[in-house]
């Protein structure tokens, strides 16, 4: 039987698209506030990093919905080509933006930047465009990121791994086997958030963290964090798509779900320095229960009204470009803040708001002028062959 590389897209869950956009905006705000934070105990929009775990639930659900019933007429090659067309153009764009702005971040805080040769930076740019993780010895930022030019691509690396696992193995699982797999992954989430350290991988800092923060370095504990943050959310989303028991909110489903996401990501640090385990319990509760519930609510509710539909469509289109292109601006923001420790509050507010708006502008321009045309060209000249 001949397989066709192009398959028409299914109807989209517009509310889920909108929620992805809401979470992306919260990520940008989280990173802007983080620049001036004195640490996790004082961070405003404290749990913004949990947006990554929410993205994984959304991705697993959407992948299951989009591809589970297509394998009789779609090959592995077809699947991987479609996922690359959807994800990789913006991976390249985010890395290129990071390269263009890299030397502007030269500062006392990022002292490694000024010591990095141009050819080394270009080599790491090409490496990052290929979505290959860089080891610690290749770090040219000082943060031990797998991509020193655009840190958030670490989560896309794990997204690629999830797609590989799904296509090669987990798509064959029955619902019950998948449920057992997800239950095992849930234990890993509890192991991480409650610092059980079952596998004795945590370093001294991680051993007292009570948080899922991490995953962006190639060290044993960071790799464990990355896989733990991936496995339960992504494959719980897949399981939810197969079960198909959605939750219907009759009125305002998008707005109620958005409110829940904003509240969960903006929640202050729980438990303080004395009862840090409470923060771990909160994060476990969000990941294991609340994020899946919000996805079920978003998928099960209808969206009505031109304004709500327009908002969801805009946020859905913006979400991925915004997430994958905003962080080079954050590097510059951090570098500026380190050089201007006495800046006035009004200056900080003006700069932060300007960067927030500028990040949205770059993301939207990247979407319209680059991502959509490139994906359309790839569909015509690669997918359909």
Protein backbone atom coordinates (compact mmCIF):
# COMPACT_ATOMS: atom_id res chain seq x y z
CA UNK A 1 0.00 0.00 0.00
CA UNK A 2 1.41 3.38 -0.95
CA UNK A 3 1.49 6.00 1.76
CA UNK A 4 0.86 9.64 1.06
CA UNK A 5 2.98 12.15 2.91
CA UNK A 6 0.31 14.82 3.02
CA UNK A 7 -2.80 14.38 5.13
CA UNK A 8 -5.39 17.10 5.49
CA UNK A 9 -5.44 18.68 8.92
CA UNK A 10 -8.26 17.85 11.29
CA UNK A 11 -10.45 20.54 12.87
CA UNK A 12 -8.51 22.29 15.61
CA UNK A 13 -9.38 22.64 19.27
CA UNK A 14 -9.45 26.41 19.21
CA UNK A 15 -9.61 26.80 22.98
CA UNK A 16 -6.51 24.65 23.43
CA UNK A 17 -4.71 26.84 20.90
CA UNK A 18 -5.76 29.91 22.86
CA UNK A 19 -4.61 28.40 26.14
CA UNK A 20 -1.20 27.68 24.67
CA UNK A 21 -0.97 31.35 23.81
CA UNK A 22 -1.99 32.42 27.31
CA UNK A 23 0.70 30.18 28.79
CA UNK A 24 3.31 31.58 26.36
CA UNK A 25 2.50 35.15 27.41
CA UNK A 26 2.89 34.08 31.03
CA UNK A 27 6.30 32.58 30.24
CA UNK A 28 7.53 35.88 28.80
CA UNK A 29 6.22 37.81 31.80
CA UNK A 30 7.80 35.26 34.15
CA UNK A 31 11.20 35.68 32.54
CA UNK A 32 10.98 39.48 32.61
CA UNK A 33 10.16 39.47 36.33
CA UNK A 34 12.83 36.85 36.97
CA UNK A 35 15.51 39.32 35.86
CA UNK A 36 14.94 41.38 39.00
CA UNK A 37 14.01 38.58 41.38
CA UNK A 38 16.07 37.89 44.50
CA UNK A 39 15.34 34.19 44.17
CA UNK A 40 12.45 31.71 43.90
CA UNK A 41 11.01 32.71 47.26
CA UNK A 42 10.46 36.27 46.02
CA UNK A 43 9.66 35.71 42.34
CA UNK A 44 6.58 37.41 40.90
CA UNK A 45 4.59 35.11 38.59
CA UNK A 46 6.42 32.49 40.61
CA UNK A 47 5.43 29.29 38.82
CA UNK A 48 5.69 30.49 35.24
CA UNK A 49 8.11 27.65 34.47
CA UNK A 50 5.22 25.18 34.88
CA UNK A 51 3.98 26.39 31.50
CA UNK A 52 6.46 23.94 29.96
CA UNK A 53 4.72 21.03 31.71
CA UNK A 54 1.36 22.37 30.56
CA UNK A 55 2.67 22.58 26.99
CA UNK A 56 3.64 18.91 27.17
CA UNK A 57 0.10 17.90 28.23
CA UNK A 58 -1.33 19.91 25.34
CA UNK A 59 1.16 18.40 22.89
CA UNK A 60 0.41 14.83 23.93
CA UNK A 61 -3.31 15.40 23.63
CA UNK A 62 -3.04 17.05 20.21
CA UNK A 63 -0.63 14.44 18.84
CA UNK A 64 -2.99 11.65 19.91
CA UNK A 65 -5.98 13.43 18.40
CA UNK A 66 -4.17 14.25 15.16
CA UNK A 67 -2.35 10.98 14.45
CA UNK A 68 -3.68 8.01 16.43
CA UNK A 69 -6.20 7.01 13.76
CA UNK A 70 -3.95 7.70 10.77
CA UNK A 71 -1.30 5.01 11.02
CA UNK A 72 -3.00 2.71 8.51
CA UNK A 73 -2.37 5.34 5.82
CA UNK A 74 0.72 7.06 7.20
CA UNK A 75 4.28 5.76 7.50
CA UNK A 76 6.84 6.62 10.15
CA UNK A 77 8.61 8.77 7.59
CA UNK A 78 5.39 10.67 6.89
CA UNK A 79 4.86 11.33 10.59
CA UNK A 80 8.37 12.57 11.23
CA UNK A 81 8.27 14.81 8.18
CA UNK A 82 5.02 16.40 9.32
CA UNK A 83 6.37 17.02 12.81
CA UNK A 84 9.57 18.54 11.44
CA UNK A 85 7.60 20.85 9.15
CA UNK A 86 5.48 21.99 12.09
CA UNK A 87 8.25 22.49 14.63
CA UNK A 88 11.67 22.91 13.09
CA UNK A 89 11.46 26.15 11.07
CA UNK A 90 10.92 28.13 14.27
CA UNK A 91 13.70 26.23 16.06
CA UNK A 92 16.03 27.57 13.37
CA UNK A 93 14.57 31.08 13.61
CA UNK A 94 14.93 31.21 17.39
CA UNK A 95 18.56 30.10 17.17
CA UNK A 96 19.33 32.62 14.40
CA UNK A 97 17.84 35.45 16.46
CA UNK A 98 19.93 34.32 19.41
CA UNK A 99 23.05 34.39 17.21
CA UNK A 100 22.27 37.86 15.84
CA UNK A 101 21.86 39.28 19.36
CA UNK A 102 24.54 37.18 21.05
CA UNK A 103 27.37 39.71 21.28
CA UNK A 104 24.99 42.47 22.42
CA UNK A 105 24.75 40.51 25.67
CA UNK A 106 28.43 41.00 26.50
CA UNK A 107 28.47 42.13 30.12
CA UNK A 108 29.98 41.39 33.50
CA UNK A 109 27.14 38.95 34.09
CA UNK A 110 27.71 37.12 30.78
CA UNK A 111 31.48 37.48 30.73
CA UNK A 112 31.90 34.36 28.56
CA UNK A 113 30.24 36.17 25.64
CA UNK A 114 33.11 38.62 25.13
CA UNK A 115 35.63 35.76 25.23
CA UNK A 116 33.88 33.69 22.52
CA UNK A 117 35.31 33.67 19.00
CA UNK A 118 32.92 34.35 16.14
CA UNK A 119 33.59 30.99 14.51
CA UNK A 120 32.78 29.16 17.77
CA UNK A 121 29.50 31.05 18.00
CA UNK A 122 28.70 30.21 14.36
CA UNK A 123 29.51 26.56 14.97
CA UNK A 124 27.16 26.50 17.96
CA UNK A 125 24.53 28.29 15.87
CA UNK A 126 24.65 25.53 13.24
CA UNK A 127 24.62 22.92 16.01
CA UNK A 128 21.55 24.52 17.56
CA UNK A 129 19.76 24.78 14.21
CA UNK A 130 20.11 21.01 13.93
CA UNK A 131 18.52 20.62 17.38
CA UNK A 132 21.61 18.85 18.71
CA UNK A 133 22.20 19.39 22.44
CA UNK A 134 25.54 20.94 23.35
CA UNK A 135 27.48 19.47 26.31
CA UNK A 136 28.61 21.66 29.21
CA UNK A 137 32.10 21.94 27.73
CA UNK A 138 30.61 23.78 24.72
CA UNK A 139 28.83 26.39 26.81
CA UNK A 140 29.28 29.94 25.46
CA UNK A 141 26.86 31.68 27.81
CA UNK A 142 27.76 30.51 31.29
CA UNK A 143 24.49 28.72 32.08
CA UNK A 144 25.32 25.23 30.80
CA UNK A 145 22.37 25.26 28.42
CA UNK A 146 22.02 22.73 25.60
CA UNK A 147 21.65 25.74 23.28
CA UNK A 148 23.52 28.81 24.55
CA UNK A 149 21.92 30.99 21.89
CA UNK A 150 18.33 30.17 22.74
CA UNK A 151 17.84 28.29 26.01
CA UNK A 152 14.16 27.28 25.65
CA UNK A 153 14.98 24.93 22.79
CA UNK A 154 15.82 22.33 25.47
CA UNK A 155 12.09 21.71 25.84
CA UNK A 156 11.71 21.28 22.07
CA UNK A 157 14.47 18.67 22.21
CA UNK A 158 12.34 16.70 24.66
CA UNK A 159 9.28 17.32 22.50
CA UNK A 160 11.15 15.65 19.64
CA UNK A 161 12.04 12.75 21.92
CA UNK A 162 8.37 12.37 22.88
CA UNK A 163 7.40 12.21 19.23
CA UNK A 164 10.04 9.54 18.62
CA UNK A 165 8.83 7.48 21.58
CA UNK A 166 5.23 7.84 20.46
CA UNK A 167 5.84 6.89 16.84
CA UNK A 168 8.25 4.03 17.46
CA UNK A 169 6.73 2.41 20.54
CA UNK A 170 3.96 4.01 22.56
CA UNK A 171 1.41 4.36 19.77
CA UNK A 172 1.18 0.56 19.89
CA UNK A 173 0.22 0.56 23.60
CA UNK A 174 -3.35 -0.30 24.52
CA UNK A 175 -5.17 2.11 26.81
CA UNK A 176 -4.41 -0.07 29.83
CA UNK A 177 -0.71 -0.43 29.04
CA UNK A 178 -0.51 3.30 28.39
CA UNK A 179 -2.27 3.95 31.72
CA UNK A 180 0.33 1.81 33.52
CA UNK A 181 3.11 3.69 31.75
CA UNK A 182 1.59 7.02 32.77
CA UNK A 183 1.24 5.81 36.38
CA UNK A 184 4.96 5.00 36.44
CA UNK A 185 5.73 8.43 35.00
CA UNK A 186 3.52 10.00 37.70
CA UNK A 187 5.78 8.43 40.31
CA UNK A 188 8.77 10.11 38.67
CA UNK A 189 6.97 13.45 38.97
CA UNK A 190 6.40 12.85 42.69
CA UNK A 191 10.01 11.69 43.08
CA UNK A 192 11.18 14.98 41.58
CA UNK A 193 8.80 17.43 43.21
CA UNK A 194 9.03 15.85 46.69
CA UNK A 195 12.82 15.29 46.53
CA UNK A 196 12.59 11.55 47.11
CA UNK A 197 15.64 11.06 44.85
CA UNK A 198 14.92 7.38 44.31
CA UNK A 199 17.78 7.01 41.80
CA UNK A 200 20.32 9.12 43.76
CA UNK A 201 20.88 11.56 40.93
CA UNK A 202 20.30 14.91 42.65
CA UNK A 203 23.19 17.23 43.43
CA UNK A 204 23.28 19.26 46.66
CA UNK A 205 21.20 22.12 45.24
CA UNK A 206 18.59 19.84 43.67
CA UNK A 207 18.29 17.82 46.89
CA UNK A 208 16.61 20.76 48.63
CA UNK A 209 14.76 22.28 45.66
CA UNK A 210 11.24 20.76 45.82
CA UNK A 211 10.53 21.93 42.29
CA UNK A 212 10.58 20.73 38.69
CA UNK A 213 12.74 23.64 37.53
CA UNK A 214 15.48 22.37 35.23
CA UNK A 215 16.08 20.13 32.27
CA UNK A 216 18.29 22.37 30.13
CA UNK A 217 21.72 20.79 30.73
CA UNK A 218 23.40 17.51 29.78
CA UNK A 219 24.15 16.34 33.31
CA UNK A 220 22.64 13.21 34.88
CA UNK A 221 20.34 15.08 37.26
CA UNK A 222 19.25 17.61 34.60
CA UNK A 223 18.55 14.86 32.06
CA UNK A 224 16.46 13.11 34.70
CA UNK A 225 14.57 16.35 35.32
CA UNK A 226 13.97 16.80 31.59
CA UNK A 227 12.63 13.29 31.06
CA UNK A 228 10.50 13.47 34.20
CA UNK A 229 8.94 16.75 33.07
CA UNK A 230 8.24 15.18 29.68
CA UNK A 231 6.96 11.67 30.32
CA UNK A 232 3.92 12.13 32.55
CA UNK A 233 2.49 15.31 30.96
CA UNK A 234 2.97 14.29 27.33
CA UNK A 235 1.71 10.74 27.63
CA UNK A 236 -1.06 11.70 30.03
CA UNK A 237 -2.23 14.04 27.28
CA UNK A 238 -2.07 11.13 24.84
CA UNK A 239 -4.07 8.94 27.23
CA UNK A 240 -6.71 11.64 27.67
CA UNK A 241 -7.14 11.92 23.90
CA UNK A 242 -7.71 8.16 23.68
CA UNK A 243 -10.16 8.01 26.57
CA UNK A 244 -12.17 10.88 25.08
CA UNK A 245 -14.07 11.81 28.26
CA UNK A 246 -14.07 15.58 27.96
CA UNK A 247 -15.40 18.18 30.39
CA UNK A 248 -17.88 20.69 28.99
CA UNK A 249 -18.09 24.25 30.27
CA UNK A 250 -21.29 25.63 28.78
CA UNK A 251 -20.35 29.30 28.90
CA UNK A 252 -16.97 31.01 28.84
CA UNK A 253 -14.90 27.84 28.66
CA UNK A 254 -11.85 29.60 27.22
CA UNK A 255 -11.95 32.40 29.77
CA UNK A 256 -12.38 30.09 32.76
CA UNK A 257 -9.57 27.84 31.57
CA UNK A 258 -7.37 30.88 30.95
CA UNK A 259 -8.06 32.14 34.45
CA UNK A 260 -7.04 28.79 35.91
CA UNK A 261 -3.79 28.77 33.95
CA UNK A 262 -2.93 32.36 34.93
CA UNK A 263 -3.64 31.69 38.61
CA UNK A 264 -1.62 28.47 38.68
CA UNK A 265 1.39 30.01 36.92
CA UNK A 266 1.27 33.24 38.93
CA UNK A 267 0.87 31.50 42.30
CA UNK A 268 3.46 32.75 44.84
CA UNK A 269 6.00 30.34 46.26
CA UNK A 270 4.20 28.09 48.72
CA UNK A 271 5.60 27.12 52.11
CA UNK A 272 8.42 29.64 52.25
CA UNK A 273 11.92 28.57 53.26
CA UNK A 274 10.70 26.52 56.23
CA UNK A 275 8.18 24.24 54.49
CA UNK A 276 9.55 23.92 50.98
CA UNK A 277 7.90 20.52 50.56
CA UNK A 278 4.61 22.38 50.23
CA UNK A 279 5.83 23.94 46.98
CA UNK A 280 6.73 20.52 45.66
CA UNK A 281 3.28 19.25 46.56
CA UNK A 282 1.71 22.22 44.77
CA UNK A 283 3.68 21.61 41.59
CA UNK A 284 2.85 17.90 41.67
CA UNK A 285 -0.84 18.75 42.08
CA UNK A 286 -0.74 21.13 39.08
CA UNK A 287 1.09 18.67 36.84
CA UNK A 288 -0.67 15.47 37.85
CA UNK A 289 -4.23 16.77 38.19
CA UNK A 290 -4.90 20.38 37.25
CA UNK A 291 -3.20 20.62 33.86
CA UNK A 292 -4.91 17.46 32.54
CA UNK A 293 -8.24 18.76 33.86
CA UNK A 294 -7.78 22.13 32.12
CA UNK A 295 -6.99 20.35 28.85
CA UNK A 296 -10.15 18.26 29.18
CA UNK A 297 -12.16 21.41 29.90
CA UNK A 298 -10.64 23.26 26.96
CA UNK A 299 -11.18 20.36 24.55
CA UNK A 300 -14.71 19.72 25.75
CA UNK A 301 -16.01 23.29 25.64
CA UNK A 302 -17.26 25.21 22.65
CA UNK A 303 -16.13 28.71 21.83
CA UNK A 304 -18.74 31.25 20.77
CA UNK A 305 -18.60 34.85 19.74
CA UNK A 306 -16.40 36.47 17.13
CA UNK A 307 -14.23 38.16 19.73
CA UNK A 308 -13.44 34.97 21.63
CA UNK A 309 -12.74 33.07 18.41
CA UNK A 310 -10.45 35.84 17.17
CA UNK A 311 -8.56 35.93 20.48
CA UNK A 312 -8.07 32.16 20.49
CA UNK A 313 -6.91 32.11 16.88
CA UNK A 314 -4.45 34.95 17.43
CA UNK A 315 -3.04 33.47 20.64
CA UNK A 316 -2.84 30.03 19.07
CA UNK A 317 -0.84 31.29 16.10
CA UNK A 318 1.40 33.41 18.31
CA UNK A 319 2.10 30.84 21.03
CA UNK A 320 4.89 28.73 19.57
CA UNK A 321 6.75 31.57 17.79
CA UNK A 322 6.59 33.66 20.97
CA UNK A 323 7.88 30.87 23.17
CA UNK A 324 10.76 29.97 20.88
CA UNK A 325 11.94 33.49 19.95
CA UNK A 326 11.55 35.59 23.10
CA UNK A 327 14.51 34.39 25.14
CA UNK A 328 17.33 36.12 23.23
CA UNK A 329 15.65 39.36 24.34
CA UNK A 330 15.70 38.09 27.93
CA UNK A 331 19.47 37.55 27.71
CA UNK A 332 19.83 41.21 26.71
CA UNK A 333 17.47 42.26 29.48
CA UNK A 334 19.53 40.39 32.07
CA UNK A 335 22.77 41.85 30.70
CA UNK A 336 21.33 45.39 30.82
CA UNK A 337 20.03 44.92 34.35
CA UNK A 338 23.42 43.68 35.53
CA UNK A 339 25.06 46.83 34.13
CA UNK A 340 22.40 49.15 35.59
CA UNK A 341 21.75 47.97 39.15
CA UNK A 342 20.57 51.43 40.22
CA UNK A 343 18.02 51.93 37.45
CA UNK A 344 14.79 53.57 38.60
CA UNK A 345 11.55 51.65 38.89
CA UNK A 346 10.01 53.72 36.10
CA UNK A 347 12.92 52.84 33.78
CA UNK A 348 12.62 49.14 34.63
CA UNK A 349 8.87 49.13 34.05
CA UNK A 350 9.18 51.01 30.75
CA UNK A 351 11.93 48.69 29.49
CA UNK A 352 10.12 45.53 30.57
CA UNK A 353 6.82 46.54 28.98
CA UNK A 354 8.66 47.54 25.80
CA UNK A 355 10.45 44.18 25.65
CA UNK A 356 7.17 42.35 26.24
CA UNK A 357 5.56 44.17 23.31
CA UNK A 358 8.70 43.79 21.18
CA UNK A 359 8.79 40.03 21.86
CA UNK A 360 5.20 39.74 20.63
CA UNK A 361 6.08 41.79 17.55
CA UNK A 362 9.10 39.63 16.69
CA UNK A 363 7.06 36.47 17.17
CA UNK A 364 4.21 37.70 14.99
CA UNK A 365 6.57 38.89 12.26
CA UNK A 366 8.42 35.55 12.38
CA UNK A 367 5.10 33.74 12.03
CA UNK A 368 3.76 35.72 9.10
CA UNK A 369 6.95 36.47 7.17
CA UNK A 370 8.84 33.26 7.79
CA UNK A 371 7.12 30.34 9.52
CA UNK A 372 3.86 30.17 7.56
CA UNK A 373 5.49 30.68 4.12
CA UNK A 374 8.26 28.17 4.87
CA UNK A 375 5.81 25.54 6.11
CA UNK A 376 3.58 26.08 3.09
CA UNK A 377 6.57 25.64 0.76
CA UNK A 378 7.66 22.49 2.59
CA UNK A 379 4.15 21.05 2.36
CA UNK A 380 4.07 21.56 -1.40
CA UNK A 381 7.63 20.52 -2.20
CA UNK A 382 8.43 17.95 0.47
CA UNK A 383 5.39 16.55 2.23
CA UNK A 384 3.38 15.89 -0.89
CA UNK A 385 6.19 14.03 -2.68
